[in-house]
Every structure is written in C-alpha cells, then in structure tokens.
N, C-alpha and C. Protein backbone atom coordinates (compact mmCIF):
# COMPACT_ATOMS: atom_id res chain seq x y z
N MET A 1 -16.39 0.98 4.59
CA MET A 1 -14.87 1.28 4.12
C MET A 1 -14.04 2.42 4.93
N VAL A 2 -12.76 2.17 5.01
CA VAL A 2 -12.05 2.77 6.11
C VAL A 2 -11.35 3.23 5.05
N ARG A 3 -10.84 4.71 5.57
CA ARG A 3 -10.23 5.99 4.69
C ARG A 3 -8.80 5.97 5.74
N PRO A 4 -7.48 5.62 5.12
CA PRO A 4 -6.42 6.16 6.02
C PRO A 4 -5.93 6.87 5.13
N TRP A 5 -4.50 7.72 5.34
CA TRP A 5 -3.44 8.09 4.93
C TRP A 5 -2.41 7.20 5.14
N VAL A 6 -1.62 7.07 3.67
CA VAL A 6 -0.61 5.92 3.49
C VAL A 6 0.68 6.87 2.94
N LYS A 7 1.79 6.43 3.21
CA LYS A 7 2.47 7.60 2.94
C LYS A 7 3.35 6.31 1.61
N LEU A 8 3.40 6.58 0.35
CA LEU A 8 4.08 6.27 -0.77
C LEU A 8 5.34 6.71 -1.16
N CYS A 9 6.31 5.81 -1.78
CA CYS A 9 7.37 6.49 -2.10
C CYS A 9 7.05 7.20 -3.60
N LEU A 10 7.51 8.32 -3.43
CA LEU A 10 7.83 9.49 -4.47
C LEU A 10 7.53 8.74 -5.92
N CYS A 11 8.34 7.60 -6.33
CA CYS A 11 8.25 6.80 -7.60
C CYS A 11 7.34 6.01 -7.55
N GLN A 12 6.55 5.69 -6.67
CA GLN A 12 5.46 4.91 -7.24
C GLN A 12 3.97 6.22 -6.83
N TYR A 13 4.18 7.14 -6.55
CA TYR A 13 3.21 8.05 -6.58
C TYR A 13 3.13 8.90 -7.91
N GLN A 14 4.48 8.62 -8.47
CA GLN A 14 4.67 9.12 -9.86
C GLN A 14 3.88 8.22 -10.64
N GLU A 15 3.89 6.96 -10.85
CA GLU A 15 3.61 5.99 -11.71
C GLU A 15 2.25 5.83 -11.70
N LEU A 16 2.02 5.98 -9.81
CA LEU A 16 -0.16 6.16 -10.23
C LEU A 16 -0.33 6.98 -10.93
N LYS A 17 0.59 8.40 -10.69
CA LYS A 17 -0.66 9.48 -11.54
C LYS A 17 -0.29 9.19 -13.22
N ARG A 18 0.47 8.53 -13.05
CA ARG A 18 0.50 8.01 -14.99
C ARG A 18 -0.80 7.55 -15.11
N LEU A 19 -1.06 5.83 -14.38
CA LEU A 19 -2.02 5.34 -14.62
C LEU A 19 -3.11 6.19 -14.06
N THR A 20 -3.31 6.90 -13.24
CA THR A 20 -5.07 7.65 -13.19
C THR A 20 -4.97 8.20 -14.54
N GLU A 21 -4.18 8.87 -15.39
CA GLU A 21 -4.35 9.46 -16.50
C GLU A 21 -4.58 8.18 -17.63
N LYS A 22 -3.76 7.62 -17.30
CA LYS A 22 -3.59 6.45 -18.52
C LYS A 22 -4.93 5.74 -18.58
N ARG A 23 -5.76 5.34 -17.50
CA ARG A 23 -6.91 4.70 -17.36
C ARG A 23 -7.82 5.52 -16.96
N ALA A 24 -8.04 6.86 -16.78
CA ALA A 24 -9.14 7.49 -16.27
C ALA A 24 -9.57 7.19 -14.90
N LYS A 25 -9.01 6.29 -14.30
CA LYS A 25 -9.44 5.93 -12.47
C LYS A 25 -8.92 6.95 -11.85
N PRO A 26 -9.66 7.04 -10.43
CA PRO A 26 -9.02 7.43 -9.22
C PRO A 26 -7.69 6.58 -8.65
N LEU A 27 -7.23 7.67 -8.02
CA LEU A 27 -5.51 6.89 -7.04
C LEU A 27 -6.28 6.22 -6.31
N SER A 28 -7.33 6.35 -5.51
CA SER A 28 -7.79 5.54 -4.64
C SER A 28 -8.34 4.32 -4.89
N GLU A 29 -8.83 4.01 -6.20
CA GLU A 29 -9.15 2.90 -6.84
C GLU A 29 -7.84 2.01 -7.09
N ILE A 30 -7.22 2.55 -7.96
CA ILE A 30 -5.96 1.88 -8.19
C ILE A 30 -5.01 0.97 -6.91
N ILE A 31 -5.42 2.25 -6.03
CA ILE A 31 -4.39 1.94 -4.62
C ILE A 31 -5.08 0.73 -3.94
N ARG A 32 -6.50 0.69 -4.07
CA ARG A 32 -7.78 -0.19 -3.65
C ARG A 32 -7.94 -1.37 -4.30
N GLU A 33 -7.20 -1.61 -5.44
CA GLU A 33 -7.04 -2.66 -6.33
C GLU A 33 -5.96 -3.44 -6.17
N ALA A 34 -4.74 -2.57 -5.97
CA ALA A 34 -3.28 -3.32 -5.61
C ALA A 34 -3.85 -3.66 -3.99
N ALA A 35 -4.09 -3.06 -3.04
CA ALA A 35 -4.30 -3.92 -1.55
C ALA A 35 -5.06 -5.16 -2.07
N SER A 36 -6.09 -5.03 -2.74
CA SER A 36 -7.14 -6.16 -2.91
C SER A 36 -6.55 -7.27 -3.27
N GLU A 37 -5.69 -7.34 -4.37
CA GLU A 37 -4.79 -8.45 -4.81
C GLU A 37 -3.76 -8.96 -3.81
N PHE A 38 -3.51 -8.16 -2.70
CA PHE A 38 -2.05 -8.04 -2.28
C PHE A 38 -2.76 -8.94 -0.89
N VAL A 39 -4.02 -8.66 -0.68
CA VAL A 39 -4.54 -9.21 0.82
C VAL A 39 -4.90 -10.93 0.46
N LYS A 40 -5.31 -10.88 -1.24
CA LYS A 40 -5.55 -12.64 -1.38
C LYS A 40 -4.47 -13.15 -1.59
N LYS A 41 -3.55 -12.86 -1.72
CA LYS A 41 -2.24 -14.17 -1.84
C LYS A 41 -1.89 -14.80 -0.40
N LYS A 42 -1.43 -15.81 -0.90
CA LYS A 42 -1.38 -16.98 0.74
C LYS A 42 0.00 -16.67 1.17
N ASP A 43 1.29 -16.58 0.55
CA ASP A 43 1.97 -16.99 1.34
C ASP A 43 2.59 -14.83 1.63
N PHE A 44 2.84 -14.88 2.59
CA PHE A 44 3.75 -13.91 3.33
C PHE A 44 4.88 -14.05 4.08
N PRO A 45 5.89 -13.86 3.59
CA PRO A 45 6.99 -14.25 4.72
C PRO A 45 6.71 -13.20 5.92
N ILE A 46 7.51 -13.67 6.89
CA ILE A 46 7.82 -13.03 8.02
C ILE A 46 8.68 -12.37 8.45
N SER A 47 8.64 -10.98 8.73
CA SER A 47 9.47 -10.05 8.80
C SER A 47 10.28 -10.42 9.99
N THR A 48 11.39 -10.11 10.15
CA THR A 48 12.18 -10.23 11.63
C THR A 48 13.11 -8.84 12.30
N HIS A 49 12.38 -7.86 11.41
CA HIS A 49 12.38 -6.60 12.55
C HIS A 49 11.13 -5.88 12.38
N VAL A 50 11.21 -4.74 12.86
CA VAL A 50 10.00 -3.91 12.63
C VAL A 50 9.96 -3.10 11.51
N SER A 51 8.98 -2.81 11.04
CA SER A 51 9.41 -1.59 9.97
C SER A 51 9.01 -0.40 10.58
N TYR A 52 9.62 0.94 10.23
CA TYR A 52 9.55 2.11 10.82
C TYR A 52 10.05 3.02 9.04
N LEU A 53 10.23 4.61 9.27
CA LEU A 53 10.12 4.66 7.88
C LEU A 53 11.50 5.70 8.75
N ALA A 54 12.59 4.95 8.41
CA ALA A 54 13.98 5.45 8.34
C ALA A 54 14.41 7.25 8.08
N LYS A 55 14.69 7.60 9.38
CA LYS A 55 15.09 9.10 9.77
C LYS A 55 15.53 9.98 8.70
N GLY A 56 15.21 10.75 8.43
CA GLY A 56 15.87 11.90 7.41
C GLY A 56 15.15 11.48 5.88
N THR A 57 13.89 10.37 5.58
CA THR A 57 13.53 10.16 4.77
C THR A 57 11.97 10.41 4.22
N LYS A 58 11.59 11.46 5.67
CA LYS A 58 10.45 12.37 5.08
C LYS A 58 9.94 12.81 3.67
N GLY A 59 10.68 13.29 2.90
CA GLY A 59 11.06 14.13 1.17
C GLY A 59 10.99 12.85 0.60
N LYS A 60 11.00 11.56 0.91
CA LYS A 60 10.70 10.73 -0.22
C LYS A 60 9.73 9.67 -0.13
N TYR A 61 8.59 10.36 0.36
CA TYR A 61 7.24 9.60 0.38
C TYR A 61 6.42 11.11 0.46
N LYS A 62 5.08 10.31 -0.14
CA LYS A 62 3.52 11.24 -0.44
C LYS A 62 2.91 10.25 0.27
N SER A 63 2.04 11.33 1.28
CA SER A 63 0.61 11.00 1.56
C SER A 63 0.10 11.04 1.01
N VAL A 64 -1.11 10.04 0.91
CA VAL A 64 -2.45 10.15 -0.07
C VAL A 64 -3.56 9.12 0.78
N SER A 65 -4.73 9.29 0.71
CA SER A 65 -5.56 9.16 1.08
C SER A 65 -6.31 7.98 0.05
N ALA A 66 -6.64 7.32 0.89
CA ALA A 66 -7.53 6.11 -0.04
C ALA A 66 -8.31 5.24 0.82
N TYR A 67 -9.97 4.92 0.03
CA TYR A 67 -10.41 4.23 1.06
C TYR A 67 -10.23 2.84 0.46
N PHE A 68 -10.79 2.02 1.74
CA PHE A 68 -10.64 0.80 1.49
C PHE A 68 -11.72 0.06 2.16
N PRO A 69 -12.30 -1.32 1.21
CA PRO A 69 -13.00 -2.24 1.75
C PRO A 69 -12.92 -2.70 3.59
N THR A 70 -13.21 -2.39 4.50
CA THR A 70 -13.59 -3.21 5.88
C THR A 70 -12.64 -4.55 5.59
N SER A 71 -13.26 -5.33 4.85
CA SER A 71 -12.64 -6.21 4.91
C SER A 71 -11.33 -6.61 4.66
N ASP A 72 -10.66 -6.12 3.46
CA ASP A 72 -9.36 -5.72 2.93
C ASP A 72 -8.66 -5.12 4.19
N TRP A 73 -8.75 -4.24 4.97
CA TRP A 73 -8.39 -3.69 5.86
C TRP A 73 -8.14 -4.31 7.19
N ASN A 74 -9.35 -5.44 7.47
CA ASN A 74 -8.64 -6.36 8.40
C ASN A 74 -8.18 -7.37 7.84
N LEU A 75 -7.74 -7.59 6.93
CA LEU A 75 -6.91 -8.75 6.24
C LEU A 75 -5.76 -7.93 6.52
N LEU A 76 -5.40 -6.67 6.11
CA LEU A 76 -4.30 -5.83 6.03
C LEU A 76 -3.71 -5.92 7.75
N GLU A 77 -4.72 -5.78 8.95
CA GLU A 77 -4.23 -5.89 10.15
C GLU A 77 -3.54 -7.09 10.32
N GLU A 78 -4.58 -8.34 10.14
CA GLU A 78 -3.86 -9.88 10.20
C GLU A 78 -2.37 -10.13 9.87
N ILE A 79 -2.29 -9.23 8.40
CA ILE A 79 -0.94 -9.67 7.76
C ILE A 79 -0.05 -8.94 8.99
N SER A 80 -0.59 -7.89 8.65
CA SER A 80 0.58 -6.94 9.88
C SER A 80 0.88 -7.30 10.65
N LYS A 81 0.03 -8.35 11.67
CA LYS A 81 0.42 -8.45 12.93
C LYS A 81 1.35 -9.81 12.78
N ASN A 82 1.11 -10.41 11.45
CA ASN A 82 1.72 -11.39 11.58
C ASN A 82 2.92 -11.50 11.05
N THR A 83 2.94 -10.41 10.31
CA THR A 83 4.58 -10.48 9.56
C THR A 83 5.56 -9.11 10.34
N LYS A 84 4.94 -8.66 10.72
CA LYS A 84 5.74 -7.71 12.14
C LYS A 84 6.07 -6.33 10.99
N LYS A 85 4.75 -6.09 10.38
CA LYS A 85 5.16 -5.11 9.40
C LYS A 85 4.21 -4.03 9.42
N CYS A 86 4.15 -2.63 9.43
CA CYS A 86 3.05 -1.82 9.81
C CYS A 86 2.29 -2.09 8.42
N LYS A 87 0.79 -1.38 8.48
CA LYS A 87 0.18 -1.68 7.06
C LYS A 87 0.00 -0.50 5.87
N THR A 88 1.10 -0.03 6.13
CA THR A 88 1.40 1.13 5.23
C THR A 88 2.66 0.93 4.66
N GLU A 89 3.29 0.16 5.08
CA GLU A 89 4.73 -0.93 4.58
C GLU A 89 3.97 -1.96 3.84
N LEU A 90 3.37 -2.54 4.39
CA LEU A 90 1.86 -3.80 3.38
C LEU A 90 1.49 -2.68 2.27
N ILE A 91 0.87 -1.49 2.14
CA ILE A 91 0.55 -0.94 1.21
C ILE A 91 1.16 -0.82 0.04
N ARG A 92 2.53 0.35 0.57
CA ARG A 92 3.35 -0.17 -0.50
C ARG A 92 3.61 -1.03 -1.25
N GLN A 93 4.35 -2.08 -0.35
CA GLN A 93 4.55 -3.30 -1.26
C GLN A 93 3.37 -3.80 -2.06
N ALA A 94 1.96 -3.85 -1.94
CA ALA A 94 1.18 -4.02 -2.62
C ALA A 94 1.41 -3.07 -4.04
N VAL A 95 1.77 -2.28 -3.96
CA VAL A 95 1.34 -0.95 -4.96
C VAL A 95 2.64 -1.24 -5.78
N GLU A 96 3.93 -1.60 -5.25
CA GLU A 96 4.68 -2.10 -6.07
C GLU A 96 4.47 -3.43 -7.02
N GLU A 97 4.03 -4.45 -6.30
CA GLU A 97 3.85 -5.50 -7.21
C GLU A 97 2.76 -5.32 -7.89
N TYR A 98 2.17 -4.47 -7.82
CA TYR A 98 0.61 -4.25 -8.49
C TYR A 98 1.56 -3.69 -9.70
N LEU A 99 2.23 -2.40 -9.56
CA LEU A 99 2.90 -1.70 -10.58
C LEU A 99 4.06 -2.63 -11.64
N GLY A 100 4.07 -3.85 -10.86
CA GLY A 100 5.45 -4.67 -11.68
C GLY A 100 4.71 -5.70 -12.56
N ASN A 101 3.15 -5.98 -12.29
CA ASN A 101 2.28 -6.55 -13.47
C ASN A 101 2.16 -6.13 -14.59
C-alpha cells in the first residue's frame, strides 16, 4: 500500500465527507474506490499542458491522506507520464467521475 497526500477541491472534499457519513466508510476507502475505477478505464486523453495548482488557489483545496494499492498507484504513475498530468490531478479527476456516478 502507498499512502500519499493528495489535494482535493473543497467541494469534492465536502461531498466525500457526506458520502462517508451516508455509507459509513472511511474517506480513504472512498477515494481508493474512485482511483481504482479510474485506472481501470482504457481511454485517457493526452494533455497538452503540464498540470499544476494555479497561484492563489491554495485555499480552494483540502489535503487528505489516502491508502492506495501499489498496483493502482503504479497505474496512476503510468497514466501521469502518458497524459502529462500530475497524480493528484488524476485523483481529483477520478473523484469527480466517481461523484458524478
């Protein structure tokens, strides 16, 4: 297992907190489920720009720690290299897709 810190948008964090209460599951487990579903997808559009957090947006994100299986984390690294997006951005994208379902 890998346990990195990731920055989620505050709105994502708040929605995930509601899900933790509703489903009685830890936050880390829900993030892990989202990432696991995400890395199993086959199509990842290639980014044309390097991803980063824009200056002055620090207050719009919440740092959380989550455990990931090493295999999923390795897939995230591979997707990150192929798409030129950082792993944290990919996790935010995974959470967004998960919350949309």
